[in-house]
Every structure is written in structure tokens, then in C-alpha cells.
Amino acid sequence: MKTTDILISEYQTQGCEIAFNEVYMQYSDKAFAIARSRARYYGVDQAEAESEANIALYKAITAYDLAGGFEPFLIKLVKFYVRDLGRKQLRQATRDSEFSEDAATSTGNEPELAAIKKEQRELLRNLTDSTNDKSRQALAAFASTKTFSFREAGKLLGVEHKTVQNRIRKISAGSQHVSLNEYITA
């Protein structure tokens, strides 16, 4: 019985299909098992993962340079292909959800929403112009956090989160008809 390296070399140099089939039969079960395992890890359909493993096995046989072992090379390639499939599906799902959110929010009253946003921004600009620097810094730090968190803003400024919250509330106290939520959404 020939070794894997010899069989791969025969296929790569002479195009021997028998050598390819022997290597394929020897490693296909292992490649598919790894693909199924990784499919569960990445939340990918097992049939699609096995399809990627099939492609990876073909690429491994054609691209293997006889350096190191073939099996570790194949395992790494299968894991890479399945991981890449999982990432592609995740990106697609994210794009689809963003598209559906955009479609759900576009109800035909965009001019009204734009006018409300413009009014809120003007109100916010007027309020921030008439306040002190510390309150403005607190508001800027709050707005710069991804989650709109008083704690994160406090960490950025080096103060307690209650201090940030109180400084922002001072801004809204400057106007009787404005609540905290109105200018946070602006």
C-alpha cells in the first residue's frame, strides 16, 4: 500500500485519478466528521458544512506541498472553510436583519420624522449652548458611548455615573418642557 504522500504526488504530477480516489476515500470520513463538528459550533447546516469539507479535501489534495503532514493540513483547511461559511452566513443574516429593520421603519412618514429629528436637534443645540462646560462634556461623553450608558460616560470622564446623569439632567432643567428622553433620542 502506498503512502499518502506518494499518492498525492502521483495525482499532482501525473493526474492519476486512482491515486486521488484512494486519498479521498481514506480522508473523506474524517473531513466530514470535522465539518459536522464545526457546523454545530458555528451554527451552520451540516450538509453545507460537508459540502465545504468536500471542496477543502479537493483543494488539500491538489495544493498539498508534501511538507509536514497531510492530515493536519487537511484538518486546518476544513476548519477554515467551515468557519468561513459560518461567517458568511452570519454577515448575510446581519444584512438581512438590517434590511428588514429599514423596511419596517420606512412607513411613508419620513418627512414627519425628519422634521421631528430636526426640531429635537435644534432644541438640543439651544440647551447645550446655554449650559456649562462640565454638563456639555458629560453629554458628549454619553453620546459617544455605543450603548448610551451613564457608567461608560462616567468612566470616560473619570467621574461617577450619577455625576454624569445629574449633569445631563441639569441641561434638561434649563427648559421646562423638555424631558431627558427627548434629547437623548435626538
Protein backbone atom coordinates (compact mmCIF):
# COMPACT_ATOMS: atom_id res chain seq x y z
CA MET A 1 0.00 0.00 0.00
CA LYS A 2 1.33 3.41 -0.99
CA THR A 3 1.66 6.23 1.49
CA THR A 4 -0.49 9.33 1.30
CA ASP A 5 2.42 11.49 0.17
CA ILE A 6 3.19 9.15 -2.74
CA LEU A 7 -0.46 9.02 -3.81
CA ILE A 8 -0.78 12.80 -3.68
CA SER A 9 2.46 13.21 -5.60
CA GLU A 10 1.19 10.82 -8.30
CA TYR A 11 -2.05 12.74 -8.61
CA GLN A 12 -0.34 16.13 -8.73
CA THR A 13 2.31 15.15 -11.27
CA GLN A 14 0.51 12.59 -13.44
CA GLY A 15 -3.15 13.35 -12.81
CA CYS A 16 -3.74 9.78 -11.65
CA GLU A 17 -7.43 9.58 -10.70
CA ILE A 18 -6.93 6.26 -8.90
CA ALA A 19 -4.43 7.90 -6.55
CA PHE A 20 -6.85 10.79 -5.97
CA ASN A 21 -9.71 8.39 -5.21
CA GLU A 22 -7.60 6.44 -2.71
CA VAL A 23 -6.64 9.58 -0.82
CA TYR A 24 -10.22 10.85 -1.00
CA MET A 25 -11.65 7.60 0.38
CA GLN A 26 -9.02 7.49 3.11
CA TYR A 27 -9.69 11.01 4.42
CA SER A 28 -13.28 11.86 3.44
CA ASP A 29 -14.89 10.42 6.57
CA LYS A 30 -12.50 12.33 8.80
CA ALA A 31 -13.05 15.59 6.86
CA PHE A 32 -16.83 15.20 7.04
CA ALA A 33 -16.73 14.43 10.77
CA ILE A 34 -14.69 17.57 11.42
CA ALA A 35 -17.08 19.58 9.23
CA ARG A 36 -20.12 18.31 11.15
CA SER A 37 -18.44 19.15 14.45
CA ARG A 38 -17.55 22.65 13.30
CA ALA A 39 -21.03 23.09 11.82
CA ARG A 40 -22.55 22.69 15.26
CA TYR A 41 -20.02 25.13 16.69
CA TYR A 42 -20.69 27.83 14.07
CA GLY A 43 -24.42 27.12 13.71
CA VAL A 44 -24.13 26.08 10.08
CA ASP A 45 -26.23 23.48 8.27
CA GLN A 46 -24.36 20.15 8.33
CA ALA A 47 -24.98 19.43 4.64
CA GLU A 48 -23.45 22.78 3.70
CA ALA A 49 -20.51 22.13 6.02
CA GLU A 50 -19.93 18.72 4.43
CA SER A 51 -20.03 20.37 1.01
CA GLU A 52 -17.34 22.80 2.17
CA ALA A 53 -15.34 19.85 3.54
CA ASN A 54 -15.57 18.19 0.14
CA ILE A 55 -14.17 21.32 -1.51
CA ALA A 56 -11.48 21.59 1.18
CA LEU A 57 -10.47 17.97 0.66
CA TYR A 58 -10.11 18.51 -3.08
CA LYS A 59 -8.09 21.70 -2.52
CA ALA A 60 -5.93 19.96 0.08
CA ILE A 61 -5.08 17.12 -2.31
CA THR A 62 -4.29 19.48 -5.17
CA ALA A 63 -2.40 22.10 -3.13
CA TYR A 64 -0.51 19.96 -0.58
CA ASP A 65 3.23 20.55 -0.99
CA LEU A 66 4.42 17.40 0.80
CA ALA A 67 5.82 19.48 3.68
CA GLY A 68 4.58 18.47 7.10
CA GLY A 69 1.75 16.01 7.42
CA PHE A 70 -1.23 15.86 5.09
CA GLU A 71 -3.77 15.19 7.82
CA PRO A 72 -3.03 18.33 9.89
CA PHE A 73 -3.06 20.34 6.65
CA LEU A 74 -6.46 18.88 5.73
CA ILE A 75 -7.92 19.43 9.21
CA LYS A 76 -6.83 23.06 9.21
CA LEU A 77 -8.27 23.61 5.74
CA VAL A 78 -11.63 22.02 6.60
CA LYS A 79 -11.92 24.09 9.77
CA PHE A 80 -11.09 27.22 7.81
CA TYR A 81 -13.69 26.51 5.12
CA VAL A 82 -16.46 25.78 7.63
CA ARG A 83 -15.56 28.82 9.74
CA ASP A 84 -15.62 30.97 6.62
CA LEU A 85 -19.04 29.57 5.71
CA GLY A 86 -20.33 30.40 9.20
CA ARG A 87 -19.00 33.95 8.95
CA LYS A 88 -20.55 34.44 5.52
CA GLN A 89 -23.92 33.24 6.79
CA LEU A 90 -23.66 35.49 9.84
CA ARG A 91 -22.84 38.52 7.67
CA GLN A 92 -25.75 37.69 5.39
CA ALA A 93 -28.13 37.30 8.34
CA THR A 94 -26.95 40.66 9.71
CA ARG A 95 -27.50 42.34 6.35
CA ASP A 96 -30.95 40.75 6.05
CA SER A 97 -31.98 41.89 9.52
CA GLU A 98 -30.72 45.43 8.86
CA PHE A 99 -32.67 45.46 5.60
CA SER A 100 -35.84 44.24 7.31
CA GLU A 101 -35.42 46.84 10.08
CA ASP A 102 -35.02 49.56 7.46
CA ALA A 103 -38.08 48.29 5.63
CA ALA A 104 -40.09 48.14 8.85
CA THR A 105 -39.19 51.72 9.83
CA SER A 106 -39.98 53.19 6.44
CA THR A 107 -43.71 53.68 6.79
CA GLY A 108 -44.11 56.59 4.44
CA ASN A 109 -43.95 59.32 7.08
CA GLU A 110 -40.25 60.13 6.62
CA PRO A 111 -40.89 63.89 6.21
CA GLU A 112 -42.61 63.96 9.62
CA LEU A 113 -39.80 62.01 11.25
CA ALA A 114 -37.20 64.26 9.66
CA ALA A 115 -39.00 67.35 10.94
CA ILE A 116 -39.19 65.90 14.46
CA LYS A 117 -35.49 64.99 14.40
CA LYS A 118 -34.60 68.47 13.15
CA GLU A 119 -36.64 70.06 15.94
CA GLN A 120 -35.01 67.81 18.54
CA ARG A 121 -31.54 68.69 17.26
CA GLU A 122 -32.32 72.42 17.39
CA LEU A 123 -33.63 72.04 20.92
CA LEU A 124 -30.53 70.12 21.92
CA ARG A 125 -28.27 72.75 20.35
CA ASN A 126 -30.09 75.55 22.22
CA LEU A 127 -29.89 73.66 25.51
CA THR A 128 -26.20 72.83 25.17
CA ASP A 129 -25.35 76.39 24.19
CA SER A 130 -26.90 77.69 27.41
CA THR A 131 -25.17 75.26 29.78
CA ASN A 132 -21.73 74.99 31.41
CA ASP A 133 -18.71 73.08 30.06
CA LYS A 134 -18.96 70.17 32.52
CA SER A 135 -22.52 69.42 31.51
CA ARG A 136 -21.57 69.65 27.83
CA GLN A 137 -18.66 67.25 28.42
CA ALA A 138 -20.99 64.83 30.21
CA LEU A 139 -23.44 64.93 27.33
CA ALA A 140 -20.69 64.47 24.73
CA ALA A 141 -19.25 61.51 26.65
CA PHE A 142 -22.71 59.99 26.99
CA ALA A 143 -23.39 60.40 23.26
CA SER A 144 -20.01 58.92 22.34
CA THR A 145 -20.72 55.61 24.09
CA LYS A 146 -22.14 52.90 21.87
CA THR A 147 -24.76 51.81 24.39
CA PHE A 148 -25.68 55.27 25.71
CA SER A 149 -24.56 54.27 29.18
CA PHE A 150 -24.07 56.66 32.06
CA ARG A 151 -21.48 54.25 33.51
CA GLU A 152 -19.37 54.24 30.34
CA ALA A 153 -19.60 58.03 30.11
CA GLY A 154 -18.52 58.26 33.74
CA LYS A 155 -15.51 56.06 33.05
CA LEU A 156 -14.56 58.24 30.09
CA LEU A 157 -14.69 61.37 32.22
CA GLY A 158 -13.27 59.79 35.36
CA VAL A 159 -16.35 60.54 37.47
CA GLU A 160 -19.23 58.55 38.93
CA HIS A 161 -22.12 57.63 36.65
CA LYS A 162 -24.53 59.54 38.92
CA THR A 163 -22.48 62.70 38.33
CA VAL A 164 -22.87 62.28 34.56
CA GLN A 165 -26.59 61.65 34.98
CA ASN A 166 -27.04 64.73 37.17
CA ARG A 167 -25.08 66.95 34.77
CA ILE A 168 -27.24 65.84 31.87
CA ARG A 169 -30.40 66.37 33.93
CA LYS A 170 -29.19 69.94 34.62
CA ILE A 171 -29.28 70.57 30.90
CA SER A 172 -32.91 69.50 30.68
CA ALA A 173 -33.74 71.55 33.79
CA GLY A 174 -32.88 74.64 31.75
CA SER A 175 -36.06 74.11 29.77
CA GLN A 176 -39.35 73.29 31.46
CA HIS A 177 -40.91 71.40 28.54
CA VAL A 178 -38.02 69.02 27.80
CA SER A 179 -37.54 65.60 29.31
CA LEU A 180 -34.29 63.63 29.41
CA ASN A 181 -35.59 61.13 26.84
CA GLU A 182 -36.44 63.80 24.28
CA TYR A 183 -32.92 64.97 23.69
CA ILE A 184 -31.24 61.62 24.20
CA THR A 185 -33.09 60.38 21.10
CA ALA A 186 -32.13 63.43 19.05
